[in-house]
């Protein structure tokens, strides 16, 4: 049984939702995705930040119209 309070729906996977809802409505740990290395050709993680590097990565990808697929396990 999935705890719905911790579930992410497809509506969350939009740029504005990631920008304004991150850590309030949901977050997506970086180790939860399977990402092509080609996505990282134009992105480098900031080395001067102590937190939220994964949030910046997701914003970068979704701003570039990253196609997302949500897989839910029940």
Protein backbone atom coordinates (compact mmCIF):
# COMPACT_ATOMS: atom_id res chain seq x y z
CA UNK A 1 0.00 0.00 0.00
CA UNK A 2 1.36 3.40 -1.00
CA UNK A 3 1.21 6.19 1.55
CA UNK A 4 -0.55 8.86 -0.54
CA UNK A 5 0.89 11.67 1.58
CA UNK A 6 4.31 10.76 0.16
CA UNK A 7 3.22 10.15 -3.43
CA UNK A 8 4.09 12.44 -6.31
CA UNK A 9 1.53 12.86 -9.05
CA UNK A 10 2.18 13.92 -12.63
CA UNK A 11 1.05 17.50 -11.87
CA UNK A 12 4.06 17.96 -9.60
CA UNK A 13 6.41 17.35 -12.51
CA UNK A 14 6.17 20.82 -14.02
CA UNK A 15 8.69 23.63 -13.79
CA UNK A 16 6.58 25.97 -11.62
CA UNK A 17 5.64 23.15 -9.26
CA UNK A 18 9.30 22.24 -8.82
CA UNK A 19 10.23 25.90 -8.37
CA UNK A 20 7.58 26.75 -5.77
CA UNK A 21 6.56 23.39 -4.28
CA UNK A 22 9.96 21.85 -3.59
CA UNK A 23 10.32 20.70 0.02
CA UNK A 24 6.83 22.00 0.80
CA UNK A 25 4.72 19.61 -1.30
CA UNK A 26 7.36 17.11 -2.42
CA UNK A 27 10.96 16.57 -3.45
CA UNK A 28 12.66 14.14 -5.78
CA UNK A 29 15.91 12.71 -4.42
CA UNK A 30 18.52 12.65 -7.16
CA UNK A 31 19.06 8.91 -6.76
CA UNK A 32 15.40 8.26 -7.69
CA UNK A 33 15.79 8.92 -11.39
CA UNK A 34 17.39 7.16 -14.31
CA UNK A 35 18.95 9.95 -16.33
CA UNK A 36 20.84 9.92 -19.57
CA UNK A 37 24.37 11.27 -19.37
CA UNK A 38 23.48 13.49 -22.36
CA UNK A 39 21.32 15.57 -20.01
CA UNK A 40 24.44 16.60 -18.13
CA UNK A 41 26.34 17.98 -21.12
CA UNK A 42 25.07 21.51 -20.36
CA UNK A 43 24.74 21.18 -16.59
CA UNK A 44 27.34 21.15 -13.84
CA UNK A 45 26.54 20.94 -10.16
CA UNK A 46 27.50 24.12 -8.31
CA UNK A 47 30.41 23.31 -6.02
CA UNK A 48 29.91 26.31 -3.77
CA UNK A 49 26.48 25.29 -2.46
CA UNK A 50 25.94 23.33 0.73
CA UNK A 51 22.38 22.23 -0.12
CA UNK A 52 19.71 22.14 -2.85
CA UNK A 53 22.04 21.13 -5.68
CA UNK A 54 19.54 18.50 -6.77
CA UNK A 55 16.74 21.12 -6.83
CA UNK A 56 18.82 23.28 -9.21
CA UNK A 57 19.45 20.26 -11.42
CA UNK A 58 15.73 19.44 -11.68
CA UNK A 59 14.92 23.11 -12.41
CA UNK A 60 17.53 23.15 -15.18
CA UNK A 61 16.15 19.99 -16.78
CA UNK A 62 12.50 21.00 -16.54
CA UNK A 63 13.21 24.51 -17.86
CA UNK A 64 14.64 22.85 -20.97
CA UNK A 65 11.32 20.99 -21.43
CA UNK A 66 12.67 17.74 -20.00
CA UNK A 67 10.25 14.91 -20.73
CA UNK A 68 9.31 13.13 -17.56
CA UNK A 69 7.62 9.88 -16.79
CA UNK A 70 6.22 9.02 -13.44
CA UNK A 71 6.30 5.37 -12.45
CA UNK A 72 4.35 4.44 -9.40
CA UNK A 73 4.74 1.18 -7.57
CA UNK A 74 1.72 -0.11 -5.73
